[in-house]
C-alpha atoms as a PDB file:
ATOM      1  CA  MET A   1      11.435 128.590 -80.213  1.00  0.00           C
ATOM      2  CA  THR A   2       9.724 125.557 -81.698  1.00  0.00           C
ATOM      3  CA  SER A   3      12.137 123.185 -83.444  1.00  0.00           C
ATOM      4  CA  PHE A   4      11.663 121.728 -86.904  1.00  0.00           C
ATOM      5  CA  ALA A   5      11.453 118.226 -85.376  1.00  0.00           C
ATOM      6  CA  GLU A   6       8.651 119.294 -83.046  1.00  0.00           C
ATOM      7  CA  ARG A   7       6.769 120.953 -85.894  1.00  0.00           C
ATOM      8  CA  ALA A   8       7.220 117.855 -88.073  1.00  0.00           C
ATOM      9  CA  GLY A   9       6.013 115.555 -85.296  1.00  0.00           C
ATOM     10  CA  ARG A  10       9.054 113.267 -85.539  1.00  0.00           C
ATOM     11  CA  ARG A  11      11.875 112.177 -83.266  1.00  0.00           C
ATOM     12  CA  PRO A  12      14.616 114.841 -83.058  1.00  0.00           C
ATOM     13  CA  THR A  13      17.990 113.890 -84.532  1.00  0.00           C
ATOM     14  CA  ILE A  14      21.590 114.898 -83.928  1.00  0.00           C
ATOM     15  CA  ALA A  15      21.247 117.227 -86.929  1.00  0.00           C
ATOM     16  CA  ASP A  16      18.319 118.952 -85.201  1.00  0.00           C
ATOM     17  CA  ILE A  17      20.422 119.385 -82.049  1.00  0.00           C
ATOM     18  CA  ALA A  18      23.263 120.851 -84.121  1.00  0.00           C
ATOM     19  CA  ALA A  19      20.901 123.313 -85.772  1.00  0.00           C
ATOM     20  CA  GLN A  20      19.363 124.287 -82.440  1.00  0.00           C
ATOM     21  CA  ALA A  21      22.760 124.854 -80.811  1.00  0.00           C
ATOM     22  CA  GLY A  22      24.359 126.443 -83.889  1.00  0.00           C
ATOM     23  CA  VAL A  23      27.183 123.891 -84.086  1.00  0.00           C
ATOM     24  CA  SER A  24      28.226 121.029 -86.359  1.00  0.00           C
ATOM     25  CA  PRO A  25      26.882 117.438 -85.946  1.00  0.00           C
ATOM     26  CA  THR A  26      30.448 116.402 -85.094  1.00  0.00           C
ATOM     27  CA  ALA A  27      30.471 118.788 -82.144  1.00  0.00           C
ATOM     28  CA  VAL A  28      27.161 117.297 -80.978  1.00  0.00           C
ATOM     29  CA  SER A  29      28.656 113.794 -81.176  1.00  0.00           C
ATOM     30  CA  PHE A  30      31.635 114.921 -79.097  1.00  0.00           C
ATOM     31  CA  ALA A  31      29.343 116.395 -76.429  1.00  0.00           C
ATOM     32  CA  LEU A  32      27.009 113.382 -76.242  1.00  0.00           C
ATOM     33  CA  ASN A  33      29.930 110.963 -75.932  1.00  0.00           C
ATOM     34  CA  ASP A  34      31.838 113.170 -73.474  1.00  0.00           C
ATOM     35  CA  ARG A  35      34.839 113.447 -75.800  1.00  0.00           C
ATOM     36  CA  PRO A  36      37.403 116.291 -75.853  1.00  0.00           C
ATOM     37  CA  GLY A  37      37.627 118.718 -78.769  1.00  0.00           C
ATOM     38  CA  ILE A  38      34.984 121.296 -77.894  1.00  0.00           C
ATOM     39  CA  SER A  39      34.865 124.044 -75.300  1.00  0.00           C
ATOM     40  CA  GLU A  40      32.839 123.749 -72.113  1.00  0.00           C
ATOM     41  CA  GLN A  41      30.704 126.653 -73.302  1.00  0.00           C
ATOM     42  CA  THR A  42      29.858 124.793 -76.511  1.00  0.00           C
ATOM     43  CA  ARG A  43      29.230 121.560 -74.617  1.00  0.00           C
ATOM     44  CA  THR A  44      26.840 123.369 -72.273  1.00  0.00           C
ATOM     45  CA  ARG A  45      24.976 124.928 -75.218  1.00  0.00           C
ATOM     46  CA  ILE A  46      24.630 121.504 -76.912  1.00  0.00           C
ATOM     47  CA  LEU A  47      23.342 119.805 -73.765  1.00  0.00           C
ATOM     48  CA  ALA A  48      20.823 122.604 -73.305  1.00  0.00           C
ATOM     49  CA  ALA A  49      19.586 121.952 -76.844  1.00  0.00           C
ATOM     50  CA  VAL A  50      19.342 118.215 -76.045  1.00  0.00           C
ATOM     51  CA  THR A  51      17.146 118.979 -73.049  1.00  0.00           C
ATOM     52  CA  GLU A  52      14.998 121.456 -74.948  1.00  0.00           C
ATOM     53  CA  LEU A  53      14.367 119.046 -77.819  1.00  0.00           C
ATOM     54  CA  GLY A  54      13.756 116.055 -75.551  1.00  0.00           C
ATOM     55  CA  TRP A  55      16.282 113.985 -77.504  1.00  0.00           C
ATOM     56  CA  ARG A  56      16.921 110.341 -76.492  1.00  0.00           C
ATOM     57  CA  PRO A  57      19.545 107.992 -77.996  1.00  0.00           C
ATOM     58  CA  ASN A  58      18.369 105.554 -80.660  1.00  0.00           C
ATOM     59  CA  VAL A  59      19.148 102.131 -79.171  1.00  0.00           C
ATOM     60  CA  ALA A  60      19.120 100.324 -82.524  1.00  0.00           C
ATOM     61  CA  ALA A  61      21.502 102.811 -84.090  1.00  0.00           C
ATOM     62  CA  ARG A  62      23.762 102.650 -81.087  1.00  0.00           C
ATOM     63  CA  ALA A  63      23.872  98.851 -81.365  1.00  0.00           C
ATOM     64  CA  LEU A  64      24.761  99.060 -85.052  1.00  0.00           C
ATOM     65  CA  GLY A  65      27.610 101.336 -84.039  1.00  0.00           C
ATOM     66  CA  GLY A  66      29.019  98.590 -81.820  1.00  0.00           C
ATOM     67  CA  ARG A  67      27.798  99.918 -78.481  1.00  0.00           C
ATOM     68  CA  ARG A  68      25.820  97.895 -75.967  1.00  0.00           C
ATOM     69  CA  ALA A  69      22.033  98.061 -75.890  1.00  0.00           C
ATOM     70  CA  ASP A  70      21.978  97.985 -72.066  1.00  0.00           C
ATOM     71  CA  THR A  71      19.318  95.283 -72.242  1.00  0.00           C
ATOM     72  CA  VAL A  72      19.244  91.614 -71.235  1.00  0.00           C
ATOM     73  CA  GLY A  73      16.561  89.418 -72.792  1.00  0.00           C
ATOM     74  CA  LEU A  74      14.450  86.668 -71.244  1.00  0.00           C
ATOM     75  CA  VAL A  75      12.174  84.634 -73.517  1.00  0.00           C
ATOM     76  CA  VAL A  76       9.859  82.136 -71.822  1.00  0.00           C
ATOM     77  CA  ALA A  77       8.013  79.396 -73.697  1.00  0.00           C
ATOM     78  CA  ARG A  78       5.341  78.713 -71.100  1.00  0.00           C
ATOM     79  CA  PRO A  79       1.683  79.741 -70.824  1.00  0.00           C
ATOM     80  CA  ALA A  80       1.539  83.308 -69.516  1.00  0.00           C
ATOM     81  CA  ARG A  81      -1.341  82.391 -67.191  1.00  0.00           C
ATOM     82  CA  THR A  82       0.822  79.713 -65.521  1.00  0.00           C
ATOM     83  CA  LEU A  83       3.700  82.146 -65.055  1.00  0.00           C
ATOM     84  CA  GLY A  84       1.409  84.701 -63.467  1.00  0.00           C
ATOM     85  CA  VAL A  85       0.837  82.512 -60.390  1.00  0.00           C
ATOM     86  CA  GLU A  86       4.273  80.884 -60.135  1.00  0.00           C
ATOM     87  CA  PRO A  87       6.278  82.279 -57.168  1.00  0.00           C
ATOM     88  CA  PHE A  88       9.564  80.845 -58.448  1.00  0.00           C
ATOM     89  CA  PHE A  89       9.322  82.767 -61.711  1.00  0.00           C
ATOM     90  CA  ALA A  90       8.254  86.002 -60.005  1.00  0.00           C
ATOM     91  CA  GLN A  91      11.129  85.874 -57.520  1.00  0.00           C
ATOM     92  CA  LEU A  92      13.682  84.933 -60.190  1.00  0.00           C
ATOM     93  CA  VAL A  93      12.637  87.865 -62.391  1.00  0.00           C
ATOM     94  CA  SER A  94      12.675  90.195 -59.378  1.00  0.00           C
ATOM     95  CA  GLY A  95      16.250  89.183 -58.580  1.00  0.00           C
ATOM     96  CA  LEU A  96      17.298  89.539 -62.208  1.00  0.00           C
ATOM     97  CA  GLN A  97      15.811  92.990 -62.503  1.00  0.00           C
ATOM     98  CA  ALA A  98      17.226  94.188 -59.177  1.00  0.00           C
ATOM     99  CA  ARG A  99      20.801  93.340 -60.141  1.00  0.00           C
ATOM    100  CA  LEU A 100      20.478  94.561 -63.725  1.00  0.00           C
ATOM    101  CA  SER A 101      18.875  97.837 -62.621  1.00  0.00           C
ATOM    102  CA  ALA A 102      21.843  98.547 -60.376  1.00  0.00           C
ATOM    103  CA  ASP A 103      23.878  98.874 -63.586  1.00  0.00           C
ATOM    104  CA  LEU A 104      21.069 100.672 -65.471  1.00  0.00           C
ATOM    105  CA  VAL A 105      20.462  97.602 -67.627  1.00  0.00           C
ATOM    106  CA  ALA A 106      16.877  96.730 -68.547  1.00  0.00           C
ATOM    107  CA  LEU A 107      15.283  93.274 -68.599  1.00  0.00           C
ATOM    108  CA  GLN A 108      13.316  92.595 -71.778  1.00  0.00           C
ATOM    109  CA  LEU A 109      10.752  89.833 -71.110  1.00  0.00           C
ATOM    110  CA  LEU A 110       8.841  88.067 -73.857  1.00  0.00           C
ATOM    111  CA  VAL A 111       6.454  85.103 -73.513  1.00  0.00           C
ATOM    112  CA  VAL A 112       6.091  82.874 -76.582  1.00  0.00           C
ATOM    113  CA  GLU A 113       4.234  79.695 -77.502  1.00  0.00           C
ATOM    114  CA  ASP A 114       7.081  77.231 -77.970  1.00  0.00           C
ATOM    115  CA  VAL A 115      10.830  76.743 -78.428  1.00  0.00           C
ATOM    116  CA  SER A 116      10.564  77.321 -82.183  1.00  0.00           C
ATOM    117  CA  ALA A 117       9.129  80.785 -81.578  1.00  0.00           C
ATOM    118  CA  GLU A 118      11.791  81.381 -78.930  1.00  0.00           C
ATOM    119  CA  LEU A 119      14.542  80.592 -81.447  1.00  0.00           C
ATOM    120  CA  ASP A 120      12.973  83.040 -83.911  1.00  0.00           C
ATOM    121  CA  VAL A 121      13.174  85.766 -81.260  1.00  0.00           C
ATOM    122  CA  TYR A 122      16.854  85.023 -80.614  1.00  0.00           C
ATOM    123  CA  ARG A 123      17.653  85.216 -84.318  1.00  0.00           C
ATOM    124  CA  ARG A 124      15.881  88.568 -84.619  1.00  0.00           C
ATOM    125  CA  TRP A 125      17.518  89.985 -81.518  1.00  0.00           C
ATOM    126  CA  ALA A 126      20.961  88.866 -82.690  1.00  0.00           C
ATOM    127  CA  ALA A 127      20.481  90.344 -86.181  1.00  0.00           C
ATOM    128  CA  GLU A 128      19.166  93.650 -84.860  1.00  0.00           C
ATOM    129  CA  ARG A 129      21.460  93.699 -81.795  1.00  0.00           C
ATOM    130  CA  ARG A 130      18.451  94.471 -79.683  1.00  0.00           C
ATOM    131  CA  THR A 131      19.944  92.928 -76.547  1.00  0.00           C
ATOM    132  CA  ASP A 132      23.409  92.381 -75.141  1.00  0.00           C
ATOM    133  CA  GLY A 133      22.711  88.869 -73.856  1.00  0.00           C
ATOM    134  CA  VAL A 134      19.942  86.503 -72.837  1.00  0.00           C
ATOM    135  CA  VAL A 135      18.914  84.297 -69.928  1.00  0.00           C
ATOM    136  CA  VAL A 136      17.640  80.834 -70.868  1.00  0.00           C
ATOM    137  CA  LEU A 137      15.163  78.851 -68.746  1.00  0.00           C
ATOM    138  CA  ASP A 138      13.743  75.332 -68.823  1.00  0.00           C
ATOM    139  CA  LEU A 139      16.505  73.387 -70.575  1.00  0.00           C
ATOM    140  CA  LYS A 140      15.047  70.370 -72.379  1.00  0.00           C
ATOM    141  CA  GLN A 141      16.524  67.053 -73.357  1.00  0.00           C
ATOM    142  CA  ASP A 142      18.402  67.570 -76.667  1.00  0.00           C
ATOM    143  CA  ASP A 143      17.598  71.276 -76.458  1.00  0.00           C
ATOM    144  CA  PRO A 144      18.527  73.185 -79.646  1.00  0.00           C
ATOM    145  CA  ARG A 145      18.736  76.597 -77.964  1.00  0.00           C
ATOM    146  CA  PRO A 146      22.267  76.602 -76.498  1.00  0.00           C
ATOM    147  CA  GLU A 147      23.873  75.577 -79.808  1.00  0.00           C
ATOM    148  CA  ALA A 148      21.724  78.071 -81.739  1.00  0.00           C
ATOM    149  CA  LEU A 149      22.683  80.918 -79.406  1.00  0.00           C
ATOM    150  CA  GLY A 150      26.344  80.019 -79.804  1.00  0.00           C
ATOM    151  CA  ARG A 151      26.042  80.118 -83.599  1.00  0.00           C
ATOM    152  CA  ALA A 152      24.225  83.450 -83.434  1.00  0.00           C
ATOM    153  CA  GLY A 153      26.978  84.930 -81.281  1.00  0.00           C
ATOM    154  CA  LEU A 154      24.445  86.060 -78.690  1.00  0.00           C
ATOM    155  CA  PRO A 155      25.860  85.827 -75.135  1.00  0.00           C
ATOM    156  CA  ALA A 156      23.653  83.541 -73.044  1.00  0.00           C
ATOM    157  CA  VAL A 157      23.455  82.121 -69.533  1.00  0.00           C
ATOM    158  CA  LEU A 158      21.382  79.046 -68.751  1.00  0.00           C
ATOM    159  CA  VAL A 159      19.471  78.666 -65.495  1.00  0.00           C
ATOM    160  CA  GLY A 160      19.702  75.013 -64.476  1.00  0.00           C
ATOM    161  CA  GLY A 161      21.054  72.244 -66.661  1.00  0.00           C
ATOM    162  CA  ASP A 162      22.677  69.087 -65.339  1.00  0.00           C
ATOM    163  CA  GLY A 163      25.831  70.530 -63.844  1.00  0.00           C
ATOM    164  CA  THR A 164      28.104  69.617 -66.746  1.00  0.00           C
ATOM    165  CA  PRO A 165      29.744  72.118 -69.148  1.00  0.00           C
ATOM    166  CA  GLY A 166      27.719  72.920 -72.261  1.00  0.00           C
ATOM    167  CA  PRO A 167      27.678  75.351 -75.185  1.00  0.00           C
ATOM    168  CA  VAL A 168      26.744  78.268 -72.878  1.00  0.00           C
ATOM    169  CA  PRO A 169      27.558  78.954 -69.209  1.00  0.00           C
ATOM    170  CA  ALA A 170      25.015  77.709 -66.680  1.00  0.00           C
ATOM    171  CA  VAL A 171      24.009  78.718 -63.171  1.00  0.00           C
ATOM    172  CA  PHE A 172      23.357  75.372 -61.522  1.00  0.00           C
ATOM    173  CA  ALA A 173      21.817  74.323 -58.198  1.00  0.00           C
ATOM    174  CA  ASP A 174      22.058  70.650 -57.265  1.00  0.00           C
ATOM    175  CA  ASP A 175      18.427  69.564 -56.966  1.00  0.00           C
ATOM    176  CA  HIS A 176      19.559  65.925 -56.845  1.00  0.00           C
ATOM    177  CA  ALA A 177      21.180  66.510 -53.457  1.00  0.00           C
ATOM    178  CA  ALA A 178      18.157  68.485 -52.245  1.00  0.00           C
ATOM    179  CA  VAL A 179      15.664  65.772 -53.216  1.00  0.00           C
ATOM    180  CA  THR A 180      17.819  63.142 -51.506  1.00  0.00           C
ATOM    181  CA  VAL A 181      17.659  65.051 -48.209  1.00  0.00           C
ATOM    182  CA  LEU A 182      13.874  65.301 -48.492  1.00  0.00           C
ATOM    183  CA  ALA A 183      13.541  61.567 -49.202  1.00  0.00           C
ATOM    184  CA  GLU A 184      15.680  60.778 -46.169  1.00  0.00           C
ATOM    185  CA  HIS A 185      13.432  62.982 -44.016  1.00  0.00           C
ATOM    186  CA  LEU A 186      10.310  61.120 -45.127  1.00  0.00           C
ATOM    187  CA  ALA A 187      11.956  57.723 -44.659  1.00  0.00           C
ATOM    188  CA  ALA A 188      12.990  58.670 -41.116  1.00  0.00           C
ATOM    189  CA  LEU A 189       9.315  59.377 -40.358  1.00  0.00           C
ATOM    190  CA  GLY A 190       8.407  55.846 -41.439  1.00  0.00           C
ATOM    191  CA  HIS A 191       6.949  56.617 -44.878  1.00  0.00           C
ATOM    192  CA  ALA A 192       7.359  53.770 -47.355  1.00  0.00           C
ATOM    193  CA  HIS A 193       4.970  54.870 -50.126  1.00  0.00           C
ATOM    194  CA  VAL A 194       5.662  58.370 -51.481  1.00  0.00           C
ATOM    195  CA  GLY A 195       3.768  60.123 -54.258  1.00  0.00           C
ATOM    196  CA  HIS A 196       5.468  62.728 -56.402  1.00  0.00           C
ATOM    197  CA  VAL A 197       3.620  65.405 -58.377  1.00  0.00           C
ATOM    198  CA  GLY A 198       6.325  66.413 -60.856  1.00  0.00           C
ATOM    199  CA  GLY A 199       6.745  68.857 -63.682  1.00  0.00           C
ATOM    200  CA  ILE A 200       7.180  68.565 -67.442  1.00  0.00           C
ATOM    201  CA  PRO A 201       9.209  65.387 -68.127  1.00  0.00           C
ATOM    202  CA  ALA A 202      11.067  66.952 -71.073  1.00  0.00           C
ATOM    203  CA  TYR A 203      12.667  69.555 -68.792  1.00  0.00           C
ATOM    204  CA  VAL A 204      16.105  68.548 -67.538  1.00  0.00           C
ATOM    205  CA  HIS A 205      15.467  69.839 -64.004  1.00  0.00           C
ATOM    206  CA  SER A 206      12.186  67.884 -63.790  1.00  0.00           C
ATOM    207  CA  ALA A 207      13.874  64.706 -64.997  1.00  0.00           C
ATOM    208  CA  ARG A 208      16.707  65.180 -62.495  1.00  0.00           C
ATOM    209  CA  ARG A 209      14.255  65.466 -59.602  1.00  0.00           C
ATOM    210  CA  VAL A 210      12.424  62.326 -60.690  1.00  0.00           C
ATOM    211  CA  ALA A 211      15.709  60.419 -61.005  1.00  0.00           C
ATOM    212  CA  ALA A 212      16.924  61.697 -57.630  1.00  0.00           C
ATOM    213  CA  LEU A 213      13.721  60.718 -55.861  1.00  0.00           C
ATOM    214  CA  HIS A 214      13.695  57.233 -57.374  1.00  0.00           C
ATOM    215  CA  ASP A 215      17.419  56.736 -56.666  1.00  0.00           C
ATOM    216  CA  ALA A 216      16.912  57.728 -53.049  1.00  0.00           C
ATOM    217  CA  GLY A 217      13.801  55.558 -52.852  1.00  0.00           C
ATOM    218  CA  ALA A 218      15.695  52.497 -54.042  1.00  0.00           C
ATOM    219  CA  ARG A 219      18.383  53.066 -51.418  1.00  0.00           C
ATOM    220  CA  LEU A 220      15.950  53.820 -48.587  1.00  0.00           C
ATOM    221  CA  GLY A 221      13.336  51.178 -49.420  1.00  0.00           C
ATOM    222  CA  LEU A 222      10.679  53.659 -50.563  1.00  0.00           C
ATOM    223  CA  THR A 223       8.102  53.032 -53.265  1.00  0.00           C
ATOM    224  CA  ILE A 224       7.935  56.197 -55.407  1.00  0.00           C
ATOM    225  CA  THR A 225       5.042  56.988 -57.735  1.00  0.00           C
ATOM    226  CA  THR A 226       5.567  60.037 -59.995  1.00  0.00           C
ATOM    227  CA  VAL A 227       2.749  61.783 -61.865  1.00  0.00           C
ATOM    228  CA  PRO A 228       3.972  64.462 -64.322  1.00  0.00           C
ATOM    229  CA  THR A 229       2.142  67.771 -64.824  1.00  0.00           C
ATOM    230  CA  ASP A 230       2.500  71.015 -66.767  1.00  0.00           C
ATOM    231  CA  PHE A 231       2.976  72.954 -63.477  1.00  0.00           C
ATOM    232  CA  SER A 232      -0.624  74.203 -63.556  1.00  0.00           C
ATOM    233  CA  GLN A 233      -2.975  74.072 -60.573  1.00  0.00           C
ATOM    234  CA  ASP A 234      -5.517  71.974 -62.479  1.00  0.00           C
ATOM    235  CA  GLU A 235      -3.026  69.271 -63.411  1.00  0.00           C
ATOM    236  CA  ALA A 236      -1.567  69.245 -59.900  1.00  0.00           C
ATOM    237  CA  ALA A 237      -5.047  68.702 -58.490  1.00  0.00           C
ATOM    238  CA  ALA A 238      -5.738  65.918 -61.019  1.00  0.00           C
ATOM    239  CA  ALA A 239      -2.391  64.266 -60.214  1.00  0.00           C
ATOM    240  CA  THR A 240      -3.217  64.341 -56.499  1.00  0.00           C
ATOM    241  CA  ARG A 241      -6.587  62.676 -57.132  1.00  0.00           C
ATOM    242  CA  ALA A 242      -4.849  60.006 -59.235  1.00  0.00           C
ATOM    243  CA  LEU A 243      -2.442  59.248 -56.384  1.00  0.00           C
ATOM    244  CA  LEU A 244      -5.292  59.018 -53.861  1.00  0.00           C
ATOM    245  CA  ALA A 245      -7.149  56.597 -56.140  1.00  0.00           C
ATOM    246  CA  ARG A 246      -4.293  54.076 -56.202  1.00  0.00           C
ATOM    247  CA  ASP A 247      -4.826  50.745 -54.466  1.00  0.00           C
ATOM    248  CA  GLU A 248      -1.735  51.467 -52.398  1.00  0.00           C
ATOM    249  CA  ARG A 249      -2.260  55.085 -51.510  1.00  0.00           C
ATOM    250  CA  PRO A 250       0.874  57.066 -50.628  1.00  0.00           C
ATOM    251  CA  THR A 251       1.333  58.289 -47.071  1.00  0.00           C
ATOM    252  CA  ALA A 252       3.303  61.341 -48.263  1.00  0.00           C
ATOM    253  CA  ILE A 253       3.277  63.472 -51.416  1.00  0.00           C
ATOM    254  CA  VAL A 254       6.127  65.642 -52.681  1.00  0.00           C
ATOM    255  CA  TYR A 255       5.219  68.528 -55.006  1.00  0.00           C
ATOM    256  CA  ASP A 256       7.617  70.157 -57.479  1.00  0.00           C
ATOM    257  CA  SER A 257       6.229  73.657 -56.875  1.00  0.00           C
ATOM    258  CA  ASP A 258       4.421  75.584 -54.170  1.00  0.00           C
ATOM    259  CA  VAL A 259       1.397  76.282 -56.367  1.00  0.00           C
ATOM    260  CA  ALA A 260       1.060  72.558 -57.069  1.00  0.00           C
ATOM    261  CA  ALA A 261       1.359  71.800 -53.354  1.00  0.00           C
ATOM    262  CA  LEU A 262      -1.444  74.202 -52.437  1.00  0.00           C
ATOM    263  CA  ALA A 263      -3.655  72.735 -55.156  1.00  0.00           C
ATOM    264  CA  GLY A 264      -2.920  69.289 -53.743  1.00  0.00           C
ATOM    265  CA  VAL A 265      -3.676  70.313 -50.148  1.00  0.00           C
ATOM    266  CA  THR A 266      -7.067  71.592 -51.324  1.00  0.00           C
ATOM    267  CA  VAL A 267      -7.805  68.205 -52.900  1.00  0.00           C
ATOM    268  CA  LEU A 268      -6.810  66.427 -49.677  1.00  0.00           C
ATOM    269  CA  ALA A 269      -9.146  68.652 -47.670  1.00  0.00           C
ATOM    270  CA  GLU A 270     -11.992  67.951 -50.097  1.00  0.00           C
ATOM    271  CA  ALA A 271     -11.347  64.229 -49.607  1.00  0.00           C
ATOM    272  CA  GLY A 272     -11.591  64.626 -45.823  1.00  0.00           C
ATOM    273  CA  LEU A 273      -7.889  63.901 -45.265  1.00  0.00           C
ATOM    274  CA  SER A 274      -5.879  65.833 -42.716  1.00  0.00           C
ATOM    275  CA  VAL A 275      -2.279  67.016 -43.080  1.00  0.00           C
ATOM    276  CA  PRO A 276      -0.151  65.479 -41.622  1.00  0.00           C
ATOM    277  CA  GLY A 277      -2.481  63.167 -39.689  1.00  0.00           C
ATOM    278  CA  ASP A 278      -3.574  61.191 -42.733  1.00  0.00           C
ATOM    279  CA  LEU A 279      -0.987  62.242 -45.285  1.00  0.00           C
ATOM    280  CA  SER A 280       2.252  64.261 -45.190  1.00  0.00           C
ATOM    281  CA  VAL A 281       2.986  66.974 -47.763  1.00  0.00           C
ATOM    282  CA  ALA A 282       6.250  68.623 -48.837  1.00  0.00           C
ATOM    283  CA  SER A 283       7.086  71.143 -51.550  1.00  0.00           C
ATOM    284  CA  PHE A 284       9.869  72.909 -53.383  1.00  0.00           C
ATOM    285  CA  ASP A 285      10.823  76.636 -53.420  1.00  0.00           C
ATOM    286  CA  ASP A 286       9.348  77.610 -50.026  1.00  0.00           C
ATOM    287  CA  SER A 287       7.593  80.820 -51.044  1.00  0.00           C
ATOM    288  CA  GLU A 288       5.293  82.820 -48.774  1.00  0.00           C
ATOM    289  CA  LEU A 289       2.400  80.728 -50.101  1.00  0.00           C
ATOM    290  CA  VAL A 290       3.426  77.554 -48.269  1.00  0.00           C
ATOM    291  CA  ARG A 291       4.432  79.416 -45.110  1.00  0.00           C
ATOM    292  CA  LEU A 292       0.906  80.842 -44.873  1.00  0.00           C
ATOM    293  CA  ALA A 293      -0.785  77.458 -45.417  1.00  0.00           C
ATOM    294  CA  HIS A 294      -2.384  75.614 -42.495  1.00  0.00           C
ATOM    295  CA  PRO A 295      -0.340  73.837 -41.392  1.00  0.00           C
ATOM    296  CA  PRO A 296       2.722  75.553 -42.915  1.00  0.00           C
ATOM    297  CA  LEU A 297       4.325  73.203 -45.417  1.00  0.00           C
ATOM    298  CA  THR A 298       7.657  71.432 -45.105  1.00  0.00           C
ATOM    299  CA  ALA A 299       9.686  72.631 -48.070  1.00  0.00           C
ATOM    300  CA  MET A 300      13.046  72.678 -49.786  1.00  0.00           C
ATOM    301  CA  THR A 301      14.067  76.285 -49.169  1.00  0.00           C
ATOM    302  CA  ARG A 302      16.083  78.377 -51.580  1.00  0.00           C
ATOM    303  CA  ASP A 303      16.481  82.109 -52.050  1.00  0.00           C
ATOM    304  CA  THR A 304      15.129  82.440 -55.586  1.00  0.00           C
ATOM    305  CA  PHE A 305      15.596  86.221 -55.537  1.00  0.00           C
ATOM    306  CA  GLU A 306      19.291  85.666 -54.765  1.00  0.00           C
ATOM    307  CA  LEU A 307      19.442  83.103 -57.574  1.00  0.00           C
ATOM    308  CA  GLY A 308      18.115  85.753 -59.969  1.00  0.00           C
ATOM    309  CA  GLU A 309      20.795  88.173 -58.799  1.00  0.00           C
ATOM    310  CA  LEU A 310      23.491  85.539 -59.389  1.00  0.00           C
ATOM    311  CA  VAL A 311      22.185  84.857 -62.908  1.00  0.00           C
ATOM    312  CA  ALA A 312      22.169  88.599 -63.676  1.00  0.00           C
ATOM    313  CA  GLU A 313      25.713  89.005 -62.351  1.00  0.00           C
ATOM    314  CA  THR A 314      26.837  86.113 -64.548  1.00  0.00           C
ATOM    315  CA  VAL A 315      25.250  87.433 -67.733  1.00  0.00           C
ATOM    316  CA  LEU A 316      26.627  90.938 -67.082  1.00  0.00           C
ATOM    317  CA  SER A 317      30.125  89.497 -66.677  1.00  0.00           C
ATOM    318  CA  LEU A 318      29.729  87.532 -69.898  1.00  0.00           C
ATOM    319  CA  VAL A 319      28.522  90.571 -71.853  1.00  0.00           C
ATOM    320  CA  ARG A 320      31.435  92.652 -70.577  1.00  0.00           C
ATOM    321  CA  GLY A 321      33.995  90.111 -71.679  1.00  0.00           C
ATOM    322  CA  ARG A 322      34.962  88.823 -68.254  1.00  0.00           C
ATOM    323  CA  ALA A 323      35.887  85.199 -67.615  1.00  0.00           C
ATOM    324  CA  VAL A 324      32.837  83.144 -66.628  1.00  0.00           C
ATOM    325  CA  PRO A 325      33.004  79.479 -65.487  1.00  0.00           C
ATOM    326  CA  ASP A 326      31.193  76.901 -67.590  1.00  0.00           C
ATOM    327  CA  VAL A 327      29.132  76.048 -64.495  1.00  0.00           C
ATOM    328  CA  VAL A 328      28.412  78.640 -61.795  1.00  0.00           C
ATOM    329  CA  SER A 329      27.319  76.907 -58.579  1.00  0.00           C
ATOM    330  CA  ALA A 330      24.240  78.258 -56.820  1.00  0.00           C
ATOM    331  CA  PRO A 331      23.440  77.285 -53.211  1.00  0.00           C
ATOM    332  CA  THR A 332      21.701  73.919 -52.836  1.00  0.00           C
ATOM    333  CA  SER A 333      18.183  74.036 -51.400  1.00  0.00           C
ATOM    334  CA  ARG A 334      17.955  73.175 -47.708  1.00  0.00           C
ATOM    335  CA  LEU A 335      15.207  71.293 -45.940  1.00  0.00           C
ATOM    336  CA  THR A 336      12.880  73.368 -43.743  1.00  0.00           C
ATOM    337  CA  VAL A 337      10.675  71.070 -41.655  1.00  0.00           C
ATOM    338  CA  ARG A 338       7.255  72.413 -40.678  1.00  0.00           C
ATOM    339  CA  GLY A 339       3.929  71.018 -39.601  1.00  0.00           C
ATOM    340  CA  SER A 340       2.896  69.313 -42.848  1.00  0.00           C
ATOM    341  CA  THR A 341       5.144  66.254 -42.428  1.00  0.00           C
ATOM    342  CA  GLY A 342       4.790  63.771 -39.575  1.00  0.00           C
ATOM    343  CA  ARG A 343       5.146  60.119 -38.773  1.00  0.00           C
ATOM    344  CA  VAL A 344       3.297  57.724 -41.009  1.00  0.00           C
ATOM    345  CA  PRO A 345      -0.201  56.946 -39.690  1.00  0.00           C
ATOM    346  CA  GLU A 346      -0.614  53.470 -38.239  1.00  0.00           C
ATOM    347  CA  VAL A 347      -3.699  52.749 -40.329  1.00  0.00           C
ATOM    348  CA  VAL A 348      -4.379  54.070 -43.834  1.00  0.00           C
ATOM    349  CA  ALA A 349      -7.995  53.910 -44.964  1.00  0.00           C
END
């Protein structure tokens, strides 16, 4: 028998299920929510009607009724093209989705132009209760997002930060310690002039890496030259060329991402420079990209997939009303030495 909803070409409702099963809407509600008050025979008849009509719960209506949406949101204010080639982002999202999926929670990803647009999305999601909580990336100096999320009452977990308590809980890995270890490695190889191809200066994690590298340089007697970029391959290549053009050319270059490092290695090859014979190279994140390079690149290794799982676990705990520390510590990156770093050459052309 064809239902009225099917004939009308609209989404079936609880009333349609009741009519199909020959029961009241209240009985349908009891069956769908697994509540007592109806017989097993009636429950079976209602569930058969649900299957026949192809009914699915209305997430918005369920949220308005105070139930969870079973969705965690992630809004990213970066160029989509840049994200598409960034191993860190891909692995983080994979880890997030893996942990959320284990609890049948979906990840809702949205890419926007800027922080203003991101805030608009949060306000809409909070008003419509479209998501149970959100994950926040790329904390900026004087960032308005944590305070705004607190005011909106939307549970949020920050990835990164500076390791101090803030308006929302944060999952924090100590990049300062990681960068210090890398600087000590280069100093032990005799490098005195180190170039650094960094990220966006407004980002807290980028600023922390710059500060860490310069602090370590001052202690170890290294001259550090940082060139900021937007994390794109083109800007990484341009930054590498700028470092090579300096009167006092660095003997080692540290890159803030694997994609940037590979772009830089290409520039070095074009300039006829060998790695590590003429210039040492090191990177962050240690994705498959740098392990497949020739030579494989020295890198600060971290399990970004595991980091994503930890972030998901934290946001799920927050949504479910469990106690969450202000700062959740993630493992610090460890140095993995490979063939791209060596002793400083005796003569630099």
